């Protein structure tokens, strides 16, 4: 099996951007994470994971949703590496 890269768009609870970023980093150990301002002070986190193909991104999405400070999670991109 190959490796898969998945990029999530993560919205934090109001005023909890830095806490969500810290919790995601400590709990899930993403491959990469970047903060981006999308409009009028609204920020998102772009969080990337690379994993073995049999794991599936839905499990990662569930884990992200459970992180303290996270409000919403969307899959932006998913592809074989």
C-alpha atoms as a PDB file:
ATOM      1  CA  UNK A   1       0.000   0.000   0.000  1.00  0.00           C
ATOM      2  CA  UNK A   2       1.072   3.586  -0.597  1.00  0.00           C
ATOM      3  CA  UNK A   3       1.039   6.700   1.480  1.00  0.00           C
ATOM      4  CA  UNK A   4      -1.714   9.294   1.422  1.00  0.00           C
ATOM      5  CA  UNK A   5      -1.472  13.013   2.188  1.00  0.00           C
ATOM      6  CA  UNK A   6      -4.590  14.748   3.446  1.00  0.00           C
ATOM      7  CA  UNK A   7      -4.979  18.473   4.062  1.00  0.00           C
ATOM      8  CA  UNK A   8      -7.681  19.616   6.479  1.00  0.00           C
ATOM      9  CA  UNK A   9      -9.156  23.079   6.930  1.00  0.00           C
ATOM     10  CA  UNK A  10      -9.748  23.545  10.659  1.00  0.00           C
ATOM     11  CA  UNK A  11     -11.854  26.322  12.177  1.00  0.00           C
ATOM     12  CA  UNK A  12     -11.186  27.054  15.839  1.00  0.00           C
ATOM     13  CA  UNK A  13     -13.725  28.168  18.421  1.00  0.00           C
ATOM     14  CA  UNK A  14     -13.852  31.972  18.745  1.00  0.00           C
ATOM     15  CA  UNK A  15     -10.704  33.256  20.430  1.00  0.00           C
ATOM     16  CA  UNK A  16      -9.166  29.775  20.744  1.00  0.00           C
ATOM     17  CA  UNK A  17      -6.964  29.677  17.629  1.00  0.00           C
ATOM     18  CA  UNK A  18      -3.644  29.364  19.463  1.00  0.00           C
ATOM     19  CA  UNK A  19      -5.036  26.799  21.919  1.00  0.00           C
ATOM     20  CA  UNK A  20      -6.483  24.684  19.087  1.00  0.00           C
ATOM     21  CA  UNK A  21      -3.161  24.871  17.235  1.00  0.00           C
ATOM     22  CA  UNK A  22      -1.240  23.784  20.338  1.00  0.00           C
ATOM     23  CA  UNK A  23      -3.662  20.928  21.121  1.00  0.00           C
ATOM     24  CA  UNK A  24      -3.621  19.601  17.552  1.00  0.00           C
ATOM     25  CA  UNK A  25       0.176  19.715  17.480  1.00  0.00           C
ATOM     26  CA  UNK A  26       0.560  17.912  20.810  1.00  0.00           C
ATOM     27  CA  UNK A  27      -2.213  15.323  20.428  1.00  0.00           C
ATOM     28  CA  UNK A  28      -2.087  14.370  16.734  1.00  0.00           C
ATOM     29  CA  UNK A  29       1.458  15.257  15.600  1.00  0.00           C
ATOM     30  CA  UNK A  30       0.592  16.535  12.091  1.00  0.00           C
ATOM     31  CA  UNK A  31       3.152  16.513   9.283  1.00  0.00           C
ATOM     32  CA  UNK A  32       2.620  20.254   8.744  1.00  0.00           C
ATOM     33  CA  UNK A  33       0.389  23.025  10.057  1.00  0.00           C
ATOM     34  CA  UNK A  34      -0.106  26.587   8.882  1.00  0.00           C
ATOM     35  CA  UNK A  35      -2.331  29.428  10.077  1.00  0.00           C
ATOM     36  CA  UNK A  36      -4.039  31.485   7.370  1.00  0.00           C
ATOM     37  CA  UNK A  37      -6.257  34.566   7.547  1.00  0.00           C
ATOM     38  CA  UNK A  38      -9.193  34.127   5.168  1.00  0.00           C
ATOM     39  CA  UNK A  39     -11.246  37.321   5.710  1.00  0.00           C
ATOM     40  CA  UNK A  40     -11.893  40.106   8.208  1.00  0.00           C
ATOM     41  CA  UNK A  41      -9.726  38.608  10.943  1.00  0.00           C
ATOM     42  CA  UNK A  42     -11.107  35.086  10.512  1.00  0.00           C
ATOM     43  CA  UNK A  43      -8.284  32.556  10.682  1.00  0.00           C
ATOM     44  CA  UNK A  44      -8.141  28.891   9.782  1.00  0.00           C
ATOM     45  CA  UNK A  45      -5.544  26.219  10.354  1.00  0.00           C
ATOM     46  CA  UNK A  46      -4.399  24.124   7.420  1.00  0.00           C
ATOM     47  CA  UNK A  47      -3.327  20.802   8.904  1.00  0.00           C
ATOM     48  CA  UNK A  48      -1.590  18.099   6.855  1.00  0.00           C
ATOM     49  CA  UNK A  49      -1.087  14.446   7.690  1.00  0.00           C
ATOM     50  CA  UNK A  50       0.752  11.744   5.729  1.00  0.00           C
ATOM     51  CA  UNK A  51      -0.258   8.191   6.602  1.00  0.00           C
ATOM     52  CA  UNK A  52      -0.416   4.636   5.261  1.00  0.00           C
ATOM     53  CA  UNK A  53      -3.259   4.114   2.781  1.00  0.00           C
ATOM     54  CA  UNK A  54      -5.163   1.541   4.860  1.00  0.00           C
ATOM     55  CA  UNK A  55      -5.669   3.984   7.792  1.00  0.00           C
ATOM     56  CA  UNK A  56      -8.216   6.285   6.089  1.00  0.00           C
ATOM     57  CA  UNK A  57      -8.767  10.012   6.547  1.00  0.00           C
ATOM     58  CA  UNK A  58     -12.160   9.680   8.254  1.00  0.00           C
ATOM     59  CA  UNK A  59     -10.483   8.506  11.472  1.00  0.00           C
ATOM     60  CA  UNK A  60      -8.173  11.540  11.429  1.00  0.00           C
ATOM     61  CA  UNK A  61     -11.141  13.825  10.794  1.00  0.00           C
ATOM     62  CA  UNK A  62     -12.958  12.382  13.830  1.00  0.00           C
ATOM     63  CA  UNK A  63      -9.869  12.856  15.997  1.00  0.00           C
ATOM     64  CA  UNK A  64      -9.498  16.482  14.857  1.00  0.00           C
ATOM     65  CA  UNK A  65     -13.148  17.206  15.702  1.00  0.00           C
ATOM     66  CA  UNK A  66     -12.568  15.969  19.270  1.00  0.00           C
ATOM     67  CA  UNK A  67      -9.614  18.304  19.936  1.00  0.00           C
ATOM     68  CA  UNK A  68     -10.429  21.020  22.488  1.00  0.00           C
ATOM     69  CA  UNK A  69     -10.804  24.367  20.718  1.00  0.00           C
ATOM     70  CA  UNK A  70     -11.808  22.966  17.311  1.00  0.00           C
ATOM     71  CA  UNK A  71     -15.205  24.038  15.962  1.00  0.00           C
ATOM     72  CA  UNK A  72     -15.289  22.647  12.410  1.00  0.00           C
ATOM     73  CA  UNK A  73     -13.160  20.433  10.150  1.00  0.00           C
ATOM     74  CA  UNK A  74     -13.206  20.064   6.347  1.00  0.00           C
ATOM     75  CA  UNK A  75     -11.071  17.950   4.020  1.00  0.00           C
ATOM     76  CA  UNK A  76      -9.429  20.310   1.514  1.00  0.00           C
ATOM     77  CA  UNK A  77      -7.320  17.832  -0.452  1.00  0.00           C
ATOM     78  CA  UNK A  78      -6.429  14.168  -0.345  1.00  0.00           C
ATOM     79  CA  UNK A  79      -3.976  12.426  -2.670  1.00  0.00           C
ATOM     80  CA  UNK A  80      -1.492   9.600  -2.976  1.00  0.00           C
ATOM     81  CA  UNK A  81       2.112  10.495  -2.246  1.00  0.00           C
END
